[in-house]
Protein backbone atom coordinates (compact mmCIF):
# COMPACT_ATOMS: atom_id res chain seq x y z
CA ILE A 1 20.02 5.56 -29.28
CA SER A 2 22.50 4.13 -31.76
CA ARG A 3 23.80 7.60 -32.56
CA LEU A 4 24.10 8.43 -28.87
CA CYS A 5 25.92 5.21 -28.01
CA LYS A 6 28.44 5.60 -30.84
CA THR A 7 29.70 8.80 -29.25
CA LEU A 8 30.14 7.25 -25.80
CA SER A 9 32.65 4.99 -24.10
CA GLU A 10 31.54 1.40 -23.55
CA PRO A 11 30.38 1.77 -19.91
CA ARG A 12 28.40 4.92 -20.69
CA GLY A 13 26.99 3.34 -23.83
CA ASP A 14 25.79 0.33 -21.86
CA LEU A 15 24.07 2.61 -19.34
CA ALA A 16 22.43 4.56 -22.18
CA LYS A 17 21.08 1.33 -23.70
CA ASN A 18 19.80 0.19 -20.32
CA LEU A 19 18.24 3.56 -19.57
CA PHE A 20 16.65 4.42 -22.92
CA GLY A 21 16.53 1.05 -24.69
CA LYS A 22 12.89 0.25 -23.92
CA ALA A 23 11.49 3.78 -24.20
CA PRO A 24 9.26 4.61 -27.21
CA GLY A 25 11.43 5.72 -30.13
CA ALA A 26 9.12 8.61 -31.06
CA ASP A 27 9.34 10.03 -27.52
CA LEU A 28 13.14 9.81 -27.50
CA LYS A 29 13.33 11.48 -30.90
CA ALA A 30 11.09 14.29 -29.66
CA LEU A 31 13.54 15.00 -26.82
CA GLY A 32 16.55 15.11 -29.09
CA TYR A 33 20.20 14.11 -28.75
CA GLU A 34 21.31 16.86 -26.38
CA GLU A 35 18.45 16.35 -23.93
CA LEU A 36 19.03 12.59 -23.83
CA LEU A 37 22.72 13.19 -23.15
CA THR A 38 21.73 15.48 -20.28
CA GLY A 39 19.49 12.74 -18.87
CA LEU A 40 22.32 10.22 -19.16
CA ASN A 41 24.72 12.55 -17.33
CA HIS A 42 22.22 12.97 -14.49
CA ALA A 43 21.84 9.19 -14.22
CA GLU A 44 25.60 8.72 -13.96
CA VAL A 45 25.96 11.36 -11.26
CA SER A 46 23.09 9.88 -9.22
CA LEU A 47 24.56 6.37 -9.38
CA LYS A 48 27.95 7.66 -8.25
CA ARG A 49 26.40 9.53 -5.33
CA TRP A 50 24.50 6.42 -4.29
CA LYS A 51 27.73 4.43 -4.36
CA LYS A 52 29.34 6.91 -1.95
CA ASP A 53 26.37 6.94 0.46
CA PRO A 54 26.82 4.30 3.20
CA GLY A 55 23.26 4.84 4.45
CA LYS A 56 21.66 3.51 1.26
CA LYS A 57 18.93 6.14 1.48
CA PRO A 58 16.91 7.02 -1.63
CA HIS A 59 18.73 9.56 -3.78
CA ILE A 60 16.51 12.18 -5.44
CA SER A 61 17.84 14.67 -7.95
CA ILE A 62 15.79 17.26 -9.84
CA GLN A 63 17.91 18.94 -12.48
CA GLY A 64 16.48 20.90 -15.39
CA LEU A 65 13.67 18.83 -16.86
CA TRP A 66 14.79 15.56 -15.28
CA VAL A 67 13.74 13.88 -12.05
CA GLN A 68 16.26 11.21 -11.14
CA ILE A 69 15.72 8.63 -8.37
CA VAL A 70 18.02 5.85 -7.22
CA ASN A 71 16.70 3.38 -4.67
CA LEU A 72 17.17 -0.27 -3.77
CA ASP A 73 15.09 -2.26 -6.24
CA ARG A 74 11.83 -2.85 -4.42
CA PRO A 75 8.14 -3.19 -5.28
CA PHE A 76 5.87 -0.17 -5.75
CA ILE A 77 8.66 2.32 -6.54
CA VAL A 78 7.55 3.42 -10.01
CA ASP A 79 3.79 3.60 -9.47
CA SER A 80 4.27 5.39 -6.13
CA VAL A 81 6.61 7.96 -7.68
CA LEU A 82 4.30 8.61 -10.63
CA ASP A 83 1.29 8.96 -8.32
CA GLU A 84 3.18 11.59 -6.30
CA ILE A 85 4.02 13.50 -9.48
CA THR A 86 0.38 13.37 -10.59
CA ALA A 87 -0.87 14.37 -7.11
CA GLN A 88 1.17 17.55 -7.41
CA GLY A 89 -0.54 18.44 -10.68
CA LEU A 90 2.44 17.54 -12.88
CA SER A 91 2.59 15.35 -15.96
CA ALA A 92 5.40 13.02 -17.00
CA ASP A 93 6.48 13.28 -20.64
CA LEU A 94 8.71 10.21 -20.47
CA VAL A 95 9.44 7.56 -17.81
CA MET A 96 12.38 5.15 -17.73
CA HIS A 97 12.91 2.46 -15.11
CA PRO A 98 15.88 0.16 -15.68
CA VAL A 99 17.26 -2.02 -12.89
CA VAL A 100 21.00 -1.41 -12.56
CA THR A 101 23.39 -3.74 -10.74
CA GLN A 102 26.10 -1.90 -8.85
CA ASN A 103 28.45 -3.46 -6.31
CA GLY A 104 26.24 -6.55 -6.17
CA GLU A 105 23.08 -4.55 -5.43
CA ASN A 106 20.07 -4.22 -7.72
CA LEU A 107 19.02 -0.59 -7.92
CA SER A 108 15.84 0.96 -9.27
CA LEU A 109 16.88 3.81 -11.52
CA VAL A 110 13.76 5.90 -12.13
CA GLN A 111 14.07 8.79 -14.53
CA VAL A 112 11.16 11.08 -15.39
CA HIS A 113 11.13 13.92 -17.89
CA LEU A 114 8.87 16.85 -16.97
CA LYS A 115 8.08 20.33 -18.15
CA ALA A 116 10.19 23.11 -16.63
CA LEU A 117 9.59 23.63 -12.89
CA ASP A 118 9.95 26.78 -10.84
CA ALA A 119 11.92 26.75 -7.58
CA GLN A 120 8.89 26.35 -5.28
CA THR A 121 7.40 23.50 -7.33
CA THR A 122 10.78 21.77 -7.40
CA GLU A 123 11.09 21.82 -3.61
CA GLU A 124 7.49 20.69 -3.11
CA LEU A 125 8.08 17.80 -5.51
CA ARG A 126 11.32 16.84 -3.79
CA ALA A 127 9.64 16.82 -0.36
CA GLY A 128 6.72 14.77 -1.68
CA LEU A 129 9.02 12.22 -3.30
CA GLU A 130 11.06 11.92 -0.10
CA ASP A 131 7.90 11.16 1.90
CA THR A 132 6.70 8.71 -0.75
CA LEU A 133 9.95 6.76 -0.90
CA ARG A 134 10.23 6.76 2.91
CA ASP A 135 6.77 5.19 3.17
CA THR A 136 7.44 2.73 0.35
CA ASN A 137 10.72 1.50 1.81
CA ARG A 138 9.19 1.21 5.28
CA VAL A 139 6.26 -0.84 3.98
CA VAL A 140 8.45 -3.22 1.98
CA ALA A 141 10.96 -3.66 4.81
CA ASP A 142 8.26 -4.63 7.33
CA TRP A 143 5.95 -6.61 5.04
CA GLU A 144 7.08 -10.06 6.19
CA ALA A 145 6.84 -9.11 9.87
CA MET A 146 3.29 -7.75 9.37
CA HIS A 147 2.26 -10.88 7.48
CA ARG A 148 3.71 -13.07 10.23
CA ARG A 149 1.94 -11.11 12.99
CA VAL A 150 -1.45 -11.61 11.32
CA THR A 151 -0.70 -15.31 10.79
CA ASP A 152 0.09 -15.65 14.51
CA THR A 153 -3.24 -13.98 15.32
CA ILE A 154 -5.05 -16.51 13.12
CA GLU A 155 -3.52 -19.32 15.18
CA SER A 156 -4.65 -17.69 18.42
CA PHE A 157 -8.21 -17.49 17.02
CA LYS A 158 -8.10 -21.22 16.36
CA THR A 159 -7.11 -22.18 19.90
CA GLY A 160 -10.13 -20.87 21.76
CA LEU A 161 -13.54 -19.31 21.48
CA PRO A 162 -13.62 -15.77 22.91
CA LYS A 163 -16.67 -14.93 24.99
CA GLY A 164 -19.64 -13.63 23.03
CA ILE A 165 -18.39 -14.81 19.61
CA ASN A 166 -20.17 -17.82 18.14
CA GLN A 167 -18.37 -20.58 16.28
CA GLN A 168 -19.71 -19.57 12.88
CA ASP A 169 -18.40 -16.00 13.28
CA GLN A 170 -15.10 -17.36 14.53
CA ARG A 171 -14.68 -19.70 11.53
CA GLU A 172 -15.57 -16.97 9.07
CA ALA A 173 -13.14 -14.53 10.70
CA ILE A 174 -10.36 -17.12 10.47
CA ALA A 175 -11.23 -17.83 6.83
CA PHE A 176 -11.14 -14.11 6.03
CA LEU A 177 -7.77 -13.53 7.67
CA GLU A 178 -6.31 -16.58 5.89
CA TRP A 179 -7.73 -15.26 2.61
CA LEU A 180 -6.26 -11.84 3.40
CA THR A 181 -2.74 -13.26 3.82
CA ASP A 182 -3.03 -15.23 0.57
CA ASN A 183 -1.91 -12.34 -1.67
CA HIS A 184 -5.17 -10.43 -1.30
CA PHE A 185 -3.85 -7.54 0.79
CA ILE A 186 -0.87 -5.20 0.67
CA PHE A 187 0.13 -4.79 4.30
CA MET A 188 1.23 -1.20 4.95
CA GLY A 189 0.98 -0.74 8.69
CA LEU A 190 0.31 -2.72 11.86
CA ARG A 191 0.16 -1.85 15.54
CA HIS A 192 -1.15 -3.44 18.72
CA TYR A 193 -3.51 -1.30 20.82
CA ILE A 194 -4.47 -2.08 24.42
CA TYR A 195 -8.06 -1.58 25.56
CA GLU A 196 -8.42 0.03 28.97
CA GLY A 197 -11.49 0.90 31.04
CA THR A 198 -15.09 -0.23 31.00
CA PRO A 199 -16.71 -1.68 27.85
CA LYS A 200 -18.71 1.52 27.17
CA LYS A 201 -16.19 4.12 28.30
CA GLY A 202 -12.90 2.37 27.68
CA GLY A 203 -10.23 3.60 25.31
CA LEU A 204 -7.33 2.38 23.24
CA ARG A 205 -3.68 3.20 23.73
CA ALA A 206 -0.71 2.09 21.68
CA SER A 207 1.13 -0.77 23.35
CA ASP A 208 4.87 -0.70 23.96
CA GLU A 209 5.25 -3.30 21.22
CA PRO A 210 6.85 -1.55 18.22
CA GLY A 211 4.53 -0.80 15.34
CA LEU A 212 5.36 -1.88 11.80
CA GLY A 213 5.30 -0.21 8.41
CA LEU A 214 3.45 3.11 8.36
CA LEU A 215 2.37 2.61 11.98
CA THR A 216 5.94 2.59 13.28
CA ASN A 217 5.18 6.03 14.70
CA PRO A 218 2.82 5.53 17.70
CA ASP A 219 1.44 9.04 17.21
CA MET A 220 0.24 8.35 13.67
CA HIS A 221 -3.57 8.22 13.65
CA VAL A 222 -5.51 6.74 10.73
CA LEU A 223 -9.09 7.14 11.98
CA ARG A 224 -11.08 10.28 11.37
CA ASP A 225 -13.73 11.73 13.68
CA VAL A 226 -15.44 14.36 11.52
CA THR A 227 -12.35 16.51 10.77
CA THR A 228 -9.81 15.24 13.32
CA LEU A 229 -7.57 12.18 13.16
CA VAL A 230 -8.05 10.14 16.35
CA THR A 231 -7.00 6.88 18.00
CA MET A 232 -10.56 5.59 18.28
CA SER A 233 -13.65 6.65 16.35
CA PRO A 234 -17.28 5.98 17.32
CA GLU A 235 -17.34 3.24 14.68
CA ILE A 236 -14.41 1.42 16.28
CA ARG A 237 -15.86 1.88 19.78
CA ALA A 238 -19.10 0.26 18.59
CA PHE A 239 -17.06 -2.58 17.06
CA LEU A 240 -15.12 -3.21 20.27
CA THR A 241 -18.33 -3.42 22.33
CA SER A 242 -20.03 -5.73 19.80
CA ASN A 243 -19.69 -9.49 19.34
CA ALA A 244 -17.96 -9.14 15.96
CA PRO A 245 -14.40 -10.55 15.95
CA LEU A 246 -13.14 -8.10 13.32
CA ILE A 247 -14.09 -5.05 11.30
CA ILE A 248 -13.32 -3.97 7.73
CA THR A 249 -13.66 -0.27 7.01
CA LYS A 250 -11.79 2.65 5.49
CA ALA A 251 -8.97 4.55 7.14
CA GLY A 252 -9.11 8.34 7.16
CA VAL A 253 -5.79 8.77 5.35
CA ARG A 254 -4.62 8.04 1.83
CA SER A 255 -1.78 5.75 0.89
CA ARG A 256 1.35 7.12 -0.77
CA VAL A 257 2.38 3.58 -1.67
CA HIS A 258 1.29 1.71 -4.82
CA ARG A 259 -1.86 3.76 -5.46
CA ARG A 260 -3.37 6.94 -4.08
CA ALA A 261 -6.48 5.76 -2.28
CA TYR A 262 -7.90 5.75 1.22
CA MET A 263 -6.36 2.74 2.91
CA ASP A 264 -8.40 -0.24 3.98
CA TYR A 265 -8.59 -0.79 7.72
CA ILE A 266 -8.77 -4.23 9.31
CA GLY A 267 -9.43 -4.20 13.06
CA ILE A 268 -8.90 -7.55 14.79
CA LYS A 269 -9.99 -8.07 18.39
CA LEU A 270 -7.44 -9.54 20.79
CA PHE A 271 -8.36 -11.61 23.85
CA ASP A 272 -6.71 -13.03 26.94
CA THR A 273 -6.71 -16.73 27.83
CA ASN A 274 -10.08 -16.31 29.54
CA GLY A 275 -11.66 -14.88 26.43
CA HIS A 276 -11.82 -11.29 27.65
CA LEU A 277 -11.16 -8.40 25.27
CA THR A 278 -7.67 -6.96 25.74
CA GLY A 279 -7.24 -4.80 22.67
CA GLU A 280 -7.10 -4.51 18.93
CA LEU A 281 -4.59 -5.47 16.28
CA ARG A 282 -4.85 -2.60 13.79
CA VAL A 283 -3.89 -3.35 10.20
CA ILE A 284 -3.91 -0.85 7.34
CA GLY A 285 -3.16 -1.34 3.67
CA LEU A 286 -4.87 -1.91 0.35
CA PHE A 287 -6.75 -4.84 -1.07
CA THR A 288 -4.96 -6.15 -4.15
CA SER A 289 -6.51 -5.55 -7.56
CA ASN A 290 -7.67 -9.16 -7.97
CA VAL A 291 -10.03 -8.69 -4.99
CA TYR A 292 -12.12 -6.38 -7.18
CA ASN A 293 -12.35 -8.93 -9.99
CA GLN A 294 -13.18 -12.22 -8.24
CA SER A 295 -16.68 -13.32 -7.30
CA VAL A 296 -18.00 -12.16 -3.93
CA LEU A 297 -18.91 -15.78 -3.22
CA ARG A 298 -15.17 -16.54 -2.99
CA ILE A 299 -14.49 -13.87 -0.37
CA PRO A 300 -15.10 -14.77 3.29
CA LEU A 301 -17.43 -12.39 5.15
CA LEU A 302 -18.73 -10.93 1.88
CA ARG A 303 -20.15 -14.30 0.88
CA ARG A 304 -22.16 -14.35 4.11
CA LYS A 305 -23.54 -10.89 3.41
CA VAL A 306 -24.49 -11.85 -0.14
CA ASN A 307 -26.10 -15.14 0.87
CA ALA A 308 -28.07 -13.34 3.61
CA ILE A 309 -29.32 -10.70 1.15
CA ILE A 310 -30.47 -13.33 -1.35
CA ALA A 311 -32.13 -15.36 1.43
CA ASP A 312 -33.85 -12.27 2.87
CA ALA A 313 -35.22 -11.57 -0.62
CA GLY A 314 -36.79 -15.04 -0.59
CA LEU A 315 -34.76 -16.15 -3.61
CA LYS A 316 -32.67 -19.14 -4.55
CA HIS A 317 -29.25 -18.84 -6.17
CA SER A 318 -30.40 -21.06 -9.04
CA SER A 319 -33.48 -18.99 -9.87
CA TYR A 320 -33.56 -16.31 -12.55
CA SER A 321 -34.16 -13.52 -10.03
CA GLY A 322 -31.57 -14.99 -7.67
CA LYS A 323 -28.95 -14.96 -10.43
CA ALA A 324 -29.91 -11.39 -11.37
CA LEU A 325 -29.56 -10.23 -7.76
CA LEU A 326 -26.23 -12.04 -7.43
CA ASN A 327 -24.98 -10.27 -10.56
CA ILE A 328 -25.95 -6.90 -9.03
CA LEU A 329 -24.09 -7.74 -5.82
CA ASP A 330 -21.10 -9.13 -7.72
CA THR A 331 -20.71 -5.84 -9.59
CA TYR A 332 -21.63 -3.60 -6.66
CA PRO A 333 -18.74 -1.33 -5.58
CA ARG A 334 -16.57 -3.75 -3.63
CA ASP A 335 -15.43 -1.23 -1.00
CA ASP A 336 -19.08 -0.38 -0.18
CA LEU A 337 -19.92 -4.06 0.08
CA PHE A 338 -17.11 -4.55 2.60
């Protein structure tokens, strides 16, 4: 890096230090002076193109062995980009991610060094990265609105008791939703669906209220019925006709944001002032990593399941067998337990 910077003007030298300064020295040495200079040139060009773009859209450049991305500095950019690269069967030799301030804006400058790509692979990677960054920016932009919508729903649950739902279920549902909004869930999509028809033969349709995040598009379906994505699956129909206030399950589509996994699905029943079912607030996203590390006894809804299992086994929490069973449940795959 010192050798590279000595040959550059001060602004270019500062960018080189910012770009390569925290990368492993052995990896930089393996690339060599000329390849690093090529990477620096690509970074400069991408930053200049961003500056000229009034739309502030993500800028993606794939030149030679370098993938160059400029985006507003937001969460999930790097891990989402690397997951897309991995999903396409590619491997990153070197990753740099400095934050660059330009015209008062903080920009994520992501630079990835790959093996040589053919033309088809290059275009497939570009298209995948465009979709990934579109989803990531949409999720981040609407996160506060999604969080606020769920918080408003919690307040509506507190004001009245919907028909058929007992007070214990109501309290536990409120506790779970409050726990969810306390940094235990990455909100990625939200949409209000209206329930129409009879309880057994009714259906859901997207309301005219705009969706948020990944559910901005009213035609995007996240439930799977065997092989087809649908608005309502048999599981959700059974939920809507039950006395349960909410459901936690898995969506039928994977997330492109943060980590490649099937998204978690939270279905929340909505009621009118008379306590009659009017629809569902559909929330998709991912539980945060700390959810998988904390005790199940600290998670609303799961704690009821665990306590019921231990009670049905005729055990006490303080007994040897009770503690052994609790340890099994505490280390049981968390998604299956939900």
